[in-house]
Amino acid sequence: METADGASYRGSTSETSSGYQCQMWSAQTPNTHTFTEANYPNTGLGDHNYCRNPDGEAGLWCYTVDENTRWAYCDQVDLCLLYTSDAA
């Protein structure tokens, strides 16, 4: 079941609402972090830079490739994917 915070979003948006490109979740530069697929299994993290919400924030977010902006929310996501259910 989908939640309003986007926790189960699995789309491919990779840019924040403020226009920053997302850092790959598997990368530790320019921003080091502990949000890895091993530490947060089944949350959609992996070898990609797509917006996710692995920790229950208010919405989708990502680390950015900008050294001066560690992370930012991703508001520009495909809402059809956000609310799509696997139930038929």
N, C-alpha and C. Protein backbone atom coordinates (compact mmCIF):
# COMPACT_ATOMS: atom_id res chain seq x y z
N MET A 1 0.84 -1.18 0.00
CA MET A 1 0.00 0.00 0.00
C MET A 1 0.89 1.25 0.00
N GLU A 2 0.51 2.22 -0.78
CA GLU A 2 1.25 3.48 -0.90
C GLU A 2 0.94 4.39 0.28
N THR A 3 1.95 5.12 0.70
CA THR A 3 1.76 6.09 1.78
C THR A 3 1.95 7.49 1.23
N ALA A 4 1.39 8.47 1.90
CA ALA A 4 1.46 9.86 1.44
C ALA A 4 2.88 10.40 1.43
N ASP A 5 3.78 9.83 2.21
CA ASP A 5 5.16 10.32 2.24
C ASP A 5 6.02 9.73 1.14
N GLY A 6 5.45 8.87 0.30
CA GLY A 6 6.18 8.31 -0.83
C GLY A 6 7.13 7.19 -0.49
N ALA A 7 7.01 6.59 0.68
CA ALA A 7 7.95 5.56 1.11
C ALA A 7 8.06 4.40 0.13
N SER A 8 7.01 4.08 -0.58
CA SER A 8 7.07 2.96 -1.52
C SER A 8 7.23 3.41 -2.98
N TYR A 9 7.52 4.68 -3.19
CA TYR A 9 7.76 5.20 -4.54
C TYR A 9 8.97 4.51 -5.16
N ARG A 10 8.83 4.04 -6.40
CA ARG A 10 9.93 3.37 -7.10
C ARG A 10 10.12 3.95 -8.50
N GLY A 11 9.77 5.21 -8.67
CA GLY A 11 9.95 5.89 -9.94
C GLY A 11 11.40 6.29 -10.17
N SER A 12 11.63 7.04 -11.24
CA SER A 12 13.00 7.36 -11.63
C SER A 12 13.32 8.86 -11.60
N THR A 13 12.56 9.63 -10.84
CA THR A 13 12.89 11.05 -10.69
C THR A 13 14.23 11.18 -9.97
N SER A 14 15.13 11.97 -10.54
CA SER A 14 16.47 12.09 -9.97
C SER A 14 16.91 13.55 -9.83
N GLU A 15 15.94 14.43 -9.70
CA GLU A 15 16.22 15.85 -9.51
C GLU A 15 15.34 16.38 -8.38
N THR A 16 15.92 17.21 -7.52
CA THR A 16 15.17 17.75 -6.39
C THR A 16 14.25 18.87 -6.86
N SER A 17 13.34 19.26 -6.00
CA SER A 17 12.41 20.34 -6.34
C SER A 17 13.13 21.67 -6.54
N SER A 18 14.34 21.79 -5.96
CA SER A 18 15.12 23.01 -6.13
C SER A 18 16.10 22.92 -7.30
N GLY A 19 16.02 21.83 -8.08
CA GLY A 19 16.81 21.71 -9.29
C GLY A 19 18.15 21.02 -9.17
N TYR A 20 18.47 20.47 -8.01
CA TYR A 20 19.74 19.77 -7.83
C TYR A 20 19.64 18.34 -8.37
N GLN A 21 20.71 17.86 -8.97
CA GLN A 21 20.78 16.47 -9.40
C GLN A 21 21.05 15.61 -8.17
N CYS A 22 20.40 14.46 -8.09
CA CYS A 22 20.59 13.57 -6.95
C CYS A 22 21.91 12.80 -7.05
N GLN A 23 22.51 12.58 -5.91
CA GLN A 23 23.71 11.74 -5.79
C GLN A 23 23.27 10.28 -5.79
N MET A 24 24.07 9.42 -6.35
CA MET A 24 23.74 8.00 -6.31
C MET A 24 23.76 7.51 -4.87
N TRP A 25 22.79 6.67 -4.52
CA TRP A 25 22.71 6.15 -3.15
C TRP A 25 23.92 5.28 -2.82
N SER A 26 24.52 4.68 -3.82
CA SER A 26 25.68 3.83 -3.60
C SER A 26 26.99 4.63 -3.51
N ALA A 27 26.94 5.93 -3.78
CA ALA A 27 28.13 6.78 -3.73
C ALA A 27 28.29 7.44 -2.37
N GLN A 28 29.51 7.74 -2.01
CA GLN A 28 29.80 8.42 -0.75
C GLN A 28 30.46 9.78 -0.99
N THR A 29 30.38 10.27 -2.21
CA THR A 29 30.87 11.61 -2.52
C THR A 29 29.87 12.31 -3.42
N PRO A 30 29.65 13.58 -3.26
CA PRO A 30 30.35 14.46 -2.32
C PRO A 30 29.82 14.35 -0.88
N ASN A 31 28.73 13.64 -0.67
CA ASN A 31 28.14 13.55 0.67
C ASN A 31 28.20 12.13 1.21
N THR A 32 28.89 11.94 2.32
CA THR A 32 28.92 10.62 2.95
C THR A 32 27.62 10.42 3.73
N HIS A 33 27.21 9.16 3.83
CA HIS A 33 25.93 8.86 4.49
C HIS A 33 25.85 7.38 4.84
N THR A 34 24.85 7.01 5.61
CA THR A 34 24.64 5.61 5.98
C THR A 34 23.41 5.01 5.30
N PHE A 35 22.79 5.76 4.40
CA PHE A 35 21.60 5.26 3.70
C PHE A 35 22.01 4.39 2.52
N THR A 36 22.36 3.16 2.84
CA THR A 36 22.74 2.19 1.82
C THR A 36 21.68 1.10 1.73
N GLU A 37 21.73 0.36 0.65
CA GLU A 37 20.79 -0.74 0.47
C GLU A 37 20.94 -1.78 1.58
N ALA A 38 22.17 -1.99 2.04
CA ALA A 38 22.42 -2.95 3.13
C ALA A 38 21.84 -2.47 4.45
N ASN A 39 21.95 -1.18 4.72
CA ASN A 39 21.44 -0.63 5.98
C ASN A 39 19.94 -0.40 5.98
N TYR A 40 19.36 -0.19 4.82
CA TYR A 40 17.92 0.08 4.70
C TYR A 40 17.33 -0.81 3.60
N PRO A 41 17.27 -2.12 3.86
CA PRO A 41 16.75 -3.04 2.83
C PRO A 41 15.27 -2.80 2.54
N ASN A 42 14.89 -3.11 1.33
CA ASN A 42 13.49 -3.02 0.89
C ASN A 42 12.94 -1.60 0.89
N THR A 43 13.81 -0.61 0.75
CA THR A 43 13.35 0.78 0.71
C THR A 43 13.61 1.42 -0.65
N GLY A 44 14.07 0.61 -1.61
CA GLY A 44 14.28 1.13 -2.95
C GLY A 44 15.63 1.76 -3.20
N LEU A 45 16.54 1.68 -2.23
CA LEU A 45 17.88 2.22 -2.43
C LEU A 45 18.68 1.25 -3.29
N GLY A 46 19.75 1.74 -3.89
CA GLY A 46 20.58 0.87 -4.72
C GLY A 46 21.56 1.68 -5.53
N ASP A 47 21.99 1.12 -6.64
CA ASP A 47 22.99 1.74 -7.50
C ASP A 47 22.31 2.68 -8.50
N HIS A 48 21.65 3.70 -7.98
CA HIS A 48 20.95 4.70 -8.78
C HIS A 48 20.85 6.00 -7.99
N ASN A 49 20.36 7.03 -8.62
CA ASN A 49 20.22 8.34 -7.95
C ASN A 49 18.77 8.81 -7.92
N TYR A 50 17.82 7.91 -7.80
CA TYR A 50 16.41 8.26 -7.79
C TYR A 50 15.95 8.71 -6.41
N CYS A 51 15.01 9.61 -6.40
CA CYS A 51 14.43 10.11 -5.15
C CYS A 51 13.76 8.97 -4.40
N ARG A 52 13.99 8.91 -3.10
CA ARG A 52 13.40 7.88 -2.25
C ARG A 52 13.10 8.47 -0.87
N ASN A 53 12.42 7.70 -0.04
CA ASN A 53 12.15 8.09 1.34
C ASN A 53 12.38 6.87 2.23
N PRO A 54 13.63 6.53 2.49
CA PRO A 54 13.92 5.32 3.27
C PRO A 54 13.73 5.47 4.78
N ASP A 55 13.54 6.70 5.26
CA ASP A 55 13.54 6.92 6.71
C ASP A 55 12.29 7.58 7.26
N GLY A 56 11.25 7.69 6.48
CA GLY A 56 10.00 8.26 6.99
C GLY A 56 9.97 9.77 7.06
N GLU A 57 10.79 10.45 6.26
CA GLU A 57 10.72 11.91 6.18
C GLU A 57 9.33 12.32 5.70
N ALA A 58 9.09 13.60 5.63
CA ALA A 58 7.78 14.10 5.20
C ALA A 58 7.51 13.81 3.73
N GLY A 59 8.55 13.55 2.95
CA GLY A 59 8.38 13.28 1.53
C GLY A 59 9.64 12.70 0.92
N LEU A 60 9.59 12.49 -0.38
CA LEU A 60 10.73 11.95 -1.11
C LEU A 60 11.90 12.92 -1.05
N TRP A 61 13.12 12.39 -1.03
CA TRP A 61 14.31 13.23 -0.95
C TRP A 61 15.50 12.47 -1.51
N CYS A 62 16.62 13.17 -1.63
CA CYS A 62 17.87 12.53 -1.99
C CYS A 62 19.03 13.41 -1.56
N TYR A 63 20.21 12.80 -1.47
CA TYR A 63 21.43 13.57 -1.31
C TYR A 63 21.72 14.19 -2.66
N THR A 64 22.32 15.38 -2.67
CA THR A 64 22.58 16.05 -3.94
C THR A 64 24.06 15.95 -4.30
N VAL A 65 24.37 16.23 -5.55
CA VAL A 65 25.77 16.23 -5.99
C VAL A 65 26.42 17.58 -5.72
N ASP A 66 25.69 18.49 -5.11
CA ASP A 66 26.22 19.81 -4.76
C ASP A 66 26.86 19.73 -3.38
N GLU A 67 28.11 20.15 -3.27
CA GLU A 67 28.83 20.09 -1.99
C GLU A 67 28.22 20.98 -0.92
N ASN A 68 27.51 22.01 -1.33
CA ASN A 68 26.94 22.97 -0.38
C ASN A 68 25.49 22.67 0.00
N THR A 69 24.88 21.70 -0.66
CA THR A 69 23.50 21.30 -0.35
C THR A 69 23.49 19.80 -0.15
N ARG A 70 23.56 19.37 1.11
CA ARG A 70 23.69 17.94 1.43
C ARG A 70 22.53 17.12 0.89
N TRP A 71 21.29 17.56 1.15
CA TRP A 71 20.11 16.83 0.67
C TRP A 71 18.98 17.81 0.43
N ALA A 72 17.97 17.34 -0.30
CA ALA A 72 16.80 18.19 -0.59
C ALA A 72 15.61 17.29 -0.92
N TYR A 73 14.42 17.85 -0.74
CA TYR A 73 13.20 17.13 -1.10
C TYR A 73 13.00 17.10 -2.60
N CYS A 74 12.32 16.07 -3.05
CA CYS A 74 11.98 15.90 -4.46
C CYS A 74 10.47 16.00 -4.60
N ASP A 75 9.98 17.15 -5.00
CA ASP A 75 8.54 17.34 -5.13
C ASP A 75 8.04 17.06 -6.54
N GLN A 76 8.93 17.05 -7.52
CA GLN A 76 8.54 16.89 -8.91
C GLN A 76 8.61 15.43 -9.33
N VAL A 77 7.75 14.61 -8.77
CA VAL A 77 7.75 13.19 -9.12
C VAL A 77 6.50 12.87 -9.93
N ASP A 78 6.53 11.74 -10.62
CA ASP A 78 5.39 11.28 -11.39
C ASP A 78 4.33 10.78 -10.40
N LEU A 79 3.30 11.56 -10.19
CA LEU A 79 2.28 11.22 -9.20
C LEU A 79 1.55 9.94 -9.54
N CYS A 80 1.49 9.60 -10.82
CA CYS A 80 0.85 8.32 -11.20
C CYS A 80 1.66 7.17 -10.61
N LEU A 81 2.97 7.26 -10.67
CA LEU A 81 3.82 6.20 -10.08
C LEU A 81 3.73 6.22 -8.56
N LEU A 82 3.60 7.42 -7.99
CA LEU A 82 3.55 7.54 -6.54
C LEU A 82 2.33 6.83 -5.97
N TYR A 83 1.23 6.86 -6.67
CA TYR A 83 0.00 6.27 -6.15
C TYR A 83 -0.46 5.03 -6.90
N THR A 84 0.42 4.42 -7.65
CA THR A 84 0.09 3.19 -8.34
C THR A 84 0.19 2.02 -7.37
N SER A 85 -0.78 1.17 -7.43
CA SER A 85 -0.81 0.00 -6.56
C SER A 85 -0.54 -1.26 -7.38
N ASP A 86 0.05 -2.26 -6.76
CA ASP A 86 0.26 -3.54 -7.44
C ASP A 86 -1.04 -4.34 -7.48
N ALA A 87 -2.01 -3.97 -6.70
CA ALA A 87 -3.29 -4.70 -6.68
C ALA A 87 -4.04 -4.43 -7.97
N ALA A 88 -4.58 -5.48 -8.54
CA ALA A 88 -5.33 -5.32 -9.79
C ALA A 88 -6.79 -5.55 -9.57
